[in-house]
Each structure stands twice: as structure tokens, then as C-alpha cells.
Amino acid sequence: TLADYHLRFLEKHELITSTMDGEYKRFYPRSTPGQADVRPALTELERQILAFLRQPVPLRVINFLMEREAATHKQILEHVPVSPSTLSHHLKKMQATGIVDRVELGERGYRVVQPKSVARLMSTYELATPDQIDTFIRVWGEFRL
């Protein structure tokens, strides 16, 4: 109740914004931290990416894909301990929102569509360790925050 009160207060005073994501209400900063008058903090796609990054299975999948250019369903399954159908469910949801895309690797493969944007969000919202960010930079080449 107390958290709900404070979140409604922050939203009323236009410091945060919220959206419904199925049964969850997700809250986002209204502007970039430290730059209230520059631009909105997040685009709609960035909000969708951040919503997936806040879920354990999609976060592990995205972490795995960010460390390589692409991976097959089987390769992802070896590093994300869920059933094949659960992995397929999450991959389909991420594909429908444009976060991951299918590629041909001899069999069905997946890649992150906008790795720089995902890496930026992961570092800004502290969802990646410094070692992971170093790996992202090495894999994706030139990277600018």
C-alpha cells in the first residue's frame, strides 16, 4: 500500500510514467536521469525491451544472445534452464515485439535486433555486469553509450 501511494504520487507529479503489461503494471522514469528537460527517458521499444529484461528467463536469453552474434534454440536451451516449450514461448514473445529476430544457422537461430540499444539499457539500469558489457563491446565492435 505504501509503495502504491508513492508510485501514484510520483506519477501524478509527472516524474514517472506507467503502462500495463498483461497483469503487471510497469513504471518508468519520465525523463533521462539527470536530464529532466532533454528528452523522454525511454521510447516505446526501449520500454518493451526493459520489460523483458526485468523477467528472469528473457533476461538470461538476452544475456546469452548478447554474448554472440546469434544462437540456435538448442544452444540457448543449454544455457537457459527451462523446458523447450517455455523457451519457445519467450522467444516468440520477444520476436513479436522486435527484440529478437530469426536467422538461418543451418537450423532456426535467433539474434538480438538492436544490440547497442539493449546494451545501453542493460548498463543504464544496471542489468549487466561490467564483464558482460566488456563482452558485448568485444562482440559488437564499436560501442558508444
C-alpha atoms as a PDB file:
ATOM      1  CA  THR A   1       0.000   0.000   0.000  1.00  0.00           C
ATOM      2  CA  LEU A   2       2.794   2.412   0.875  1.00  0.00           C
ATOM      3  CA  ALA A   3       4.651   1.700  -2.382  1.00  0.00           C
ATOM      4  CA  ASP A   4       1.394   2.159  -4.326  1.00  0.00           C
ATOM      5  CA  TYR A   5       0.847   5.533  -2.645  1.00  0.00           C
ATOM      6  CA  HIS A   6       4.341   6.756  -3.533  1.00  0.00           C
ATOM      7  CA  LEU A   7       4.152   5.470  -7.105  1.00  0.00           C
ATOM      8  CA  ARG A   8       0.814   7.245  -7.632  1.00  0.00           C
ATOM      9  CA  PHE A   9       2.337  10.433  -6.130  1.00  0.00           C
ATOM     10  CA  LEU A  10       5.343  10.263  -8.484  1.00  0.00           C
ATOM     11  CA  GLU A  11       3.091   9.579 -11.465  1.00  0.00           C
ATOM     12  CA  LYS A  12       0.717  12.424 -10.523  1.00  0.00           C
ATOM     13  CA  HIS A  13       3.671  14.818 -10.408  1.00  0.00           C
ATOM     14  CA  GLU A  14       4.890  13.537 -13.791  1.00  0.00           C
ATOM     15  CA  LEU A  15       8.177  12.138 -12.509  1.00  0.00           C
ATOM     16  CA  ILE A  16       7.371   8.622 -13.679  1.00  0.00           C
ATOM     17  CA  THR A  17       5.010   7.038 -16.179  1.00  0.00           C
ATOM     18  CA  SER A  18       3.391   3.612 -16.211  1.00  0.00           C
ATOM     19  CA  THR A  19       1.989   1.066 -18.639  1.00  0.00           C
ATOM     20  CA  MET A  20       0.101  -2.182 -18.187  1.00  0.00           C
ATOM     21  CA  ASP A  21       1.928  -5.281 -19.393  1.00  0.00           C
ATOM     22  CA  GLY A  22      -0.582  -8.096 -19.098  1.00  0.00           C
ATOM     23  CA  GLU A  23      -1.230  -8.416 -15.392  1.00  0.00           C
ATOM     24  CA  TYR A  24       1.756  -6.268 -14.406  1.00  0.00           C
ATOM     25  CA  LYS A  25       1.915  -2.509 -14.138  1.00  0.00           C
ATOM     26  CA  ARG A  26       5.380  -1.302 -15.094  1.00  0.00           C
ATOM     27  CA  PHE A  27       6.798   2.071 -14.076  1.00  0.00           C
ATOM     28  CA  TYR A  28       9.419   4.051 -15.983  1.00  0.00           C
ATOM     29  CA  PRO A  29      11.207   7.351 -15.416  1.00  0.00           C
ATOM     30  CA  ARG A  30       9.589  10.176 -17.352  1.00  0.00           C
ATOM     31  CA  SER A  31      12.946  11.621 -18.446  1.00  0.00           C
ATOM     32  CA  THR A  32      16.565  10.574 -18.635  1.00  0.00           C
ATOM     33  CA  PRO A  33      18.102  10.570 -15.141  1.00  0.00           C
ATOM     34  CA  GLY A  34      19.859  13.897 -14.522  1.00  0.00           C
ATOM     35  CA  GLN A  35      18.445  15.407 -17.728  1.00  0.00           C
ATOM     36  CA  ALA A  36      14.788  16.140 -16.968  1.00  0.00           C
ATOM     37  CA  ASP A  37      14.314  18.598 -19.829  1.00  0.00           C
ATOM     38  CA  VAL A  38      16.272  16.854 -22.604  1.00  0.00           C
ATOM     39  CA  ARG A  39      14.051  14.031 -23.909  1.00  0.00           C
ATOM     40  CA  PRO A  40      11.734  11.278 -22.722  1.00  0.00           C
ATOM     41  CA  ALA A  41      13.729   8.637 -20.896  1.00  0.00           C
ATOM     42  CA  LEU A  42      12.517   5.693 -22.960  1.00  0.00           C
ATOM     43  CA  THR A  43      10.970   5.083 -26.358  1.00  0.00           C
ATOM     44  CA  GLU A  44       8.165   2.532 -26.637  1.00  0.00           C
ATOM     45  CA  LEU A  45      10.602  -0.109 -27.930  1.00  0.00           C
ATOM     46  CA  GLU A  46      13.007   0.615 -25.059  1.00  0.00           C
ATOM     47  CA  ARG A  47      10.129   0.145 -22.599  1.00  0.00           C
ATOM     48  CA  GLN A  48       9.336  -3.212 -24.154  1.00  0.00           C
ATOM     49  CA  ILE A  49      12.994  -4.253 -24.032  1.00  0.00           C
ATOM     50  CA  LEU A  50      13.256  -3.160 -20.398  1.00  0.00           C
ATOM     51  CA  ALA A  51      10.070  -5.102 -19.550  1.00  0.00           C
ATOM     52  CA  PHE A  52      11.709  -8.270 -20.922  1.00  0.00           C
ATOM     53  CA  LEU A  53      14.984  -7.515 -19.144  1.00  0.00           C
ATOM     54  CA  ARG A  54      13.073  -7.412 -15.840  1.00  0.00           C
ATOM     55  CA  GLN A  55      11.927 -11.034 -16.296  1.00  0.00           C
ATOM     56  CA  PRO A  56      14.343 -13.849 -15.342  1.00  0.00           C
ATOM     57  CA  VAL A  57      14.019 -16.115 -18.402  1.00  0.00           C
ATOM     58  CA  PRO A  58      14.062 -13.386 -21.091  1.00  0.00           C
ATOM     59  CA  LEU A  59      16.986 -11.697 -19.272  1.00  0.00           C
ATOM     60  CA  ARG A  60      19.024 -14.914 -19.394  1.00  0.00           C
ATOM     61  CA  VAL A  61      18.139 -15.435 -23.068  1.00  0.00           C
ATOM     62  CA  ILE A  62      19.090 -11.867 -23.997  1.00  0.00           C
ATOM     63  CA  ASN A  63      22.319 -12.099 -21.960  1.00  0.00           C
ATOM     64  CA  PHE A  64      23.238 -15.276 -23.836  1.00  0.00           C
ATOM     65  CA  LEU A  65      22.404 -13.802 -27.255  1.00  0.00           C
ATOM     66  CA  MET A  66      24.265 -10.571 -26.497  1.00  0.00           C
ATOM     67  CA  GLU A  67      27.469 -12.542 -25.983  1.00  0.00           C
ATOM     68  CA  ARG A  68      27.376 -13.944 -29.524  1.00  0.00           C
ATOM     69  CA  GLU A  69      26.071 -12.818 -32.871  1.00  0.00           C
ATOM     70  CA  ALA A  70      23.351 -15.491 -33.000  1.00  0.00           C
ATOM     71  CA  ALA A  71      22.418 -18.843 -31.459  1.00  0.00           C
ATOM     72  CA  THR A  72      20.111 -21.746 -32.173  1.00  0.00           C
ATOM     73  CA  HIS A  73      17.217 -22.788 -29.972  1.00  0.00           C
ATOM     74  CA  LYS A  74      19.278 -25.775 -28.811  1.00  0.00           C
ATOM     75  CA  GLN A  75      22.295 -23.624 -27.909  1.00  0.00           C
ATOM     76  CA  ILE A  76      20.132 -21.222 -25.921  1.00  0.00           C
ATOM     77  CA  LEU A  77      18.430 -24.136 -24.168  1.00  0.00           C
ATOM     78  CA  GLU A  78      21.833 -25.430 -22.998  1.00  0.00           C
ATOM     79  CA  HIS A  79      22.418 -22.132 -21.135  1.00  0.00           C
ATOM     80  CA  VAL A  80      18.894 -21.242 -20.023  1.00  0.00           C
ATOM     81  CA  PRO A  81      17.479 -23.944 -17.725  1.00  0.00           C
ATOM     82  CA  VAL A  82      13.840 -24.078 -18.888  1.00  0.00           C
ATOM     83  CA  SER A  83      11.791 -26.512 -20.935  1.00  0.00           C
ATOM     84  CA  PRO A  84      11.963 -26.228 -24.733  1.00  0.00           C
ATOM     85  CA  SER A  85       8.342 -25.046 -24.890  1.00  0.00           C
ATOM     86  CA  THR A  86       8.942 -22.344 -22.273  1.00  0.00           C
ATOM     87  CA  LEU A  87      11.965 -21.096 -24.208  1.00  0.00           C
ATOM     88  CA  SER A  88       9.948 -21.096 -27.437  1.00  0.00           C
ATOM     89  CA  HIS A  89       7.185 -19.114 -25.714  1.00  0.00           C
ATOM     90  CA  HIS A  90       9.603 -16.405 -24.561  1.00  0.00           C
ATOM     91  CA  LEU A  91      11.412 -16.276 -27.909  1.00  0.00           C
ATOM     92  CA  LYS A  92       8.096 -15.868 -29.760  1.00  0.00           C
ATOM     93  CA  LYS A  93       7.075 -13.012 -27.440  1.00  0.00           C
ATOM     94  CA  MET A  94      10.429 -11.278 -27.918  1.00  0.00           C
ATOM     95  CA  GLN A  95      10.264 -11.845 -31.663  1.00  0.00           C
ATOM     96  CA  ALA A  96       6.727 -10.383 -31.834  1.00  0.00           C
ATOM     97  CA  THR A  97       7.921  -7.173 -30.178  1.00  0.00           C
ATOM     98  CA  GLY A  98      11.011  -6.925 -32.395  1.00  0.00           C
ATOM     99  CA  ILE A  99      13.651  -7.534 -29.746  1.00  0.00           C
ATOM    100  CA  VAL A 100      14.968 -10.740 -31.315  1.00  0.00           C
ATOM    101  CA  ASP A 101      14.820 -11.908 -34.894  1.00  0.00           C
ATOM    102  CA  ARG A 102      15.164 -15.289 -36.555  1.00  0.00           C
ATOM    103  CA  VAL A 103      18.232 -16.078 -38.628  1.00  0.00           C
ATOM    104  CA  GLU A 104      19.352 -19.156 -40.530  1.00  0.00           C
ATOM    105  CA  LEU A 105      22.214 -21.023 -38.890  1.00  0.00           C
ATOM    106  CA  GLY A 106      21.582 -24.364 -40.551  1.00  0.00           C
ATOM    107  CA  GLU A 107      18.558 -24.522 -38.277  1.00  0.00           C
ATOM    108  CA  ARG A 108      16.353 -21.968 -36.567  1.00  0.00           C
ATOM    109  CA  GLY A 109      18.546 -19.344 -34.912  1.00  0.00           C
ATOM    110  CA  TYR A 110      17.963 -16.073 -33.088  1.00  0.00           C
ATOM    111  CA  ARG A 111      19.795 -12.787 -32.692  1.00  0.00           C
ATOM    112  CA  VAL A 112      19.219  -9.522 -30.838  1.00  0.00           C
ATOM    113  CA  VAL A 113      17.911  -6.944 -33.330  1.00  0.00           C
ATOM    114  CA  GLN A 114      19.358  -3.783 -31.735  1.00  0.00           C
ATOM    115  CA  PRO A 115      22.265  -4.941 -29.562  1.00  0.00           C
ATOM    116  CA  LYS A 116      23.622  -1.450 -28.902  1.00  0.00           C
ATOM    117  CA  SER A 117      20.253  -0.246 -27.581  1.00  0.00           C
ATOM    118  CA  VAL A 118      19.885  -3.361 -25.435  1.00  0.00           C
ATOM    119  CA  ALA A 119      23.425  -2.990 -24.069  1.00  0.00           C
ATOM    120  CA  ARG A 120      22.783   0.686 -23.313  1.00  0.00           C
ATOM    121  CA  LEU A 121      19.629  -0.192 -21.352  1.00  0.00           C
ATOM    122  CA  MET A 122      21.373  -3.021 -19.532  1.00  0.00           C
ATOM    123  CA  SER A 123      24.194  -0.743 -18.428  1.00  0.00           C
ATOM    124  CA  THR A 124      21.988   2.263 -17.606  1.00  0.00           C
ATOM    125  CA  TYR A 125      19.624   0.228 -15.447  1.00  0.00           C
ATOM    126  CA  GLU A 126      22.442  -1.947 -14.046  1.00  0.00           C
ATOM    127  CA  LEU A 127      21.151  -5.211 -15.530  1.00  0.00           C
ATOM    128  CA  ALA A 128      24.564  -6.254 -16.806  1.00  0.00           C
ATOM    129  CA  THR A 129      27.863  -6.691 -15.026  1.00  0.00           C
ATOM    130  CA  PRO A 130      30.959  -4.804 -16.209  1.00  0.00           C
ATOM    131  CA  ASP A 131      32.347  -8.131 -17.539  1.00  0.00           C
ATOM    132  CA  GLN A 132      29.203  -8.665 -19.615  1.00  0.00           C
ATOM    133  CA  ILE A 133      29.407  -5.155 -21.031  1.00  0.00           C
ATOM    134  CA  ASP A 134      33.063  -5.751 -21.977  1.00  0.00           C
ATOM    135  CA  THR A 135      31.960  -8.921 -23.784  1.00  0.00           C
ATOM    136  CA  PHE A 136      29.170  -7.029 -25.580  1.00  0.00           C
ATOM    137  CA  ILE A 137      31.682  -4.415 -26.726  1.00  0.00           C
ATOM    138  CA  ARG A 138      34.078  -7.073 -27.990  1.00  0.00           C
ATOM    139  CA  VAL A 139      31.320  -8.985 -29.826  1.00  0.00           C
ATOM    140  CA  TRP A 140      29.527  -5.998 -31.336  1.00  0.00           C
ATOM    141  CA  GLY A 141      32.569  -3.897 -32.189  1.00  0.00           C
ATOM    142  CA  GLU A 142      32.398  -0.160 -31.787  1.00  0.00           C
ATOM    143  CA  PHE A 143      30.023   0.757 -28.978  1.00  0.00           C
ATOM    144  CA  ARG A 144      29.073   4.213 -27.757  1.00  0.00           C
ATOM    145  CA  LEU A 145      26.887   4.920 -24.740  1.00  0.00           C
END
